[in-house]
């Protein structure tokens, strides 16, 4: 089962990291190509330090990895973790669809009562 692959702590870090729009945007950008933190910081109306903090949150969630390239650190998306997150969301979607289907079945089996049914 997919849920067993991620601990509760890993799941919490993952969704906390993805809860922020800037961090989601960073992940999207580095999926296309690896970027240095300084290049990433030029894409946002915030300080280099603020972007660095966002990258650190993504790193703790294992959504990105940094690779040294000379004096720069290139940020790359961790596709394995993204696949695990996708699988977890698919698992939840399946659970909810099953519940909705069960509710539909229950409602279909329970016809609405009319006034005639209420008479003794």
Protein backbone atom coordinates (compact mmCIF):
# COMPACT_ATOMS: atom_id res chain seq x y z
CA UNK A 1 0.00 0.00 0.00
CA UNK A 2 1.24 3.47 -0.90
CA UNK A 3 0.56 4.96 2.51
CA UNK A 4 3.05 2.49 4.02
CA UNK A 5 5.80 3.90 1.81
CA UNK A 6 5.69 7.31 3.50
CA UNK A 7 5.84 7.77 7.24
CA UNK A 8 3.41 10.18 8.85
CA UNK A 9 6.30 12.62 9.39
CA UNK A 10 7.37 12.39 5.73
CA UNK A 11 3.78 12.94 4.59
CA UNK A 12 3.43 15.98 6.86
CA UNK A 13 6.70 17.50 5.57
CA UNK A 14 5.68 16.82 2.00
CA UNK A 15 2.29 18.51 2.24
CA UNK A 16 3.62 21.35 4.37
CA UNK A 17 6.22 22.05 1.69
CA UNK A 18 3.66 21.92 -1.11
CA UNK A 19 1.17 24.10 0.79
CA UNK A 20 3.08 27.24 -0.24
CA UNK A 21 2.61 28.66 -3.75
CA UNK A 22 6.24 29.83 -4.05
CA UNK A 23 7.55 26.39 -3.15
CA UNK A 24 5.20 24.72 -5.65
CA UNK A 25 6.46 27.15 -8.28
CA UNK A 26 10.09 26.36 -7.41
CA UNK A 27 9.39 22.65 -7.82
CA UNK A 28 7.79 23.28 -11.22
CA UNK A 29 10.75 25.39 -12.37
CA UNK A 30 13.40 22.87 -11.32
CA UNK A 31 11.43 20.03 -12.90
CA UNK A 32 12.04 21.71 -16.24
CA UNK A 33 15.73 22.35 -15.56
CA UNK A 34 18.10 22.53 -12.62
CA UNK A 35 18.72 26.07 -11.40
CA UNK A 36 21.09 27.69 -8.99
CA UNK A 37 19.57 29.24 -5.88
CA UNK A 38 20.73 32.67 -7.09
CA UNK A 39 18.99 32.17 -10.45
CA UNK A 40 15.85 31.02 -8.64
CA UNK A 41 15.96 34.07 -6.38
CA UNK A 42 15.95 36.34 -9.43
CA UNK A 43 12.54 34.90 -10.35
CA UNK A 44 10.80 36.16 -7.20
CA UNK A 45 10.15 39.48 -5.52
CA UNK A 46 11.89 38.37 -2.34
CA UNK A 47 15.38 38.21 -0.95
CA UNK A 48 17.94 35.53 -1.77
CA UNK A 49 17.71 34.39 1.87
CA UNK A 50 13.94 33.96 1.61
CA UNK A 51 14.28 31.81 -1.52
CA UNK A 52 17.04 29.85 0.21
CA UNK A 53 14.63 29.13 3.10
CA UNK A 54 11.97 27.92 0.66
CA UNK A 55 14.51 25.63 -0.99
CA UNK A 56 15.54 24.31 2.45
CA UNK A 57 11.90 23.39 3.23
CA UNK A 58 11.67 21.58 -0.10
CA UNK A 59 14.95 19.82 0.62
CA UNK A 60 13.74 18.61 4.05
CA UNK A 61 10.66 17.20 2.31
CA UNK A 62 12.96 15.51 -0.26
CA UNK A 63 11.19 17.31 -3.10
CA UNK A 64 14.44 18.85 -4.33
CA UNK A 65 18.11 18.04 -4.06
CA UNK A 66 21.06 20.41 -4.35
CA UNK A 67 24.15 19.49 -6.32
CA UNK A 68 27.38 21.43 -6.07
CA UNK A 69 28.64 22.80 -9.35
CA UNK A 70 31.75 24.83 -8.57
CA UNK A 71 30.69 27.63 -6.25
CA UNK A 72 27.01 27.26 -7.12
CA UNK A 73 24.46 24.84 -5.81
CA UNK A 74 22.10 23.61 -8.50
CA UNK A 75 18.61 22.69 -7.35
CA UNK A 76 16.96 19.70 -9.05
CA UNK A 77 13.53 18.18 -8.46
CA UNK A 78 13.51 14.77 -6.80
CA UNK A 79 11.21 12.92 -9.18
CA UNK A 80 11.05 9.85 -6.94
CA UNK A 81 9.47 11.85 -4.11
CA UNK A 82 7.09 13.56 -6.52
CA UNK A 83 5.99 10.14 -7.77
CA UNK A 84 5.45 8.99 -4.19
CA UNK A 85 3.35 12.09 -3.50
CA UNK A 86 1.33 11.47 -6.65
CA UNK A 87 0.77 7.84 -5.67
CA UNK A 88 -0.37 8.91 -2.21
CA UNK A 89 -2.87 11.37 -3.70
CA UNK A 90 -4.11 8.68 -6.10
CA UNK A 91 -4.58 6.38 -3.10
CA UNK A 92 -6.71 9.00 -1.34
CA UNK A 93 -8.68 9.64 -4.52
CA UNK A 94 -9.45 5.92 -4.82
CA UNK A 95 -10.63 5.80 -1.20
CA UNK A 96 -12.94 8.77 -1.69
CA UNK A 97 -14.34 7.44 -4.97
CA UNK A 98 -15.11 4.13 -3.25
CA UNK A 99 -16.93 5.98 -0.48
CA UNK A 100 -18.94 8.04 -2.94
CA UNK A 101 -19.87 4.89 -4.86
CA UNK A 102 -21.01 3.22 -1.62
CA UNK A 103 -23.12 6.25 -0.75
CA UNK A 104 -24.70 6.15 -4.21
CA UNK A 105 -25.49 2.45 -3.72
CA UNK A 106 -27.03 3.09 -0.32
CA UNK A 107 -29.16 5.93 -1.66
CA UNK A 108 -30.27 3.82 -4.63
CA UNK A 109 -31.37 0.99 -2.28
CA UNK A 110 -33.40 3.30 -0.03
CA UNK A 111 -36.33 4.70 -2.02
CA UNK A 112 -37.89 7.87 -0.63
CA UNK A 113 -41.00 7.35 1.47
CA UNK A 114 -44.35 8.76 0.36
CA UNK A 115 -47.42 9.75 2.38
CA UNK A 116 -49.05 6.41 1.51
CA UNK A 117 -46.21 4.59 3.27
CA UNK A 118 -46.82 6.60 6.44
CA UNK A 119 -50.44 5.34 6.92
CA UNK A 120 -51.09 2.46 9.35
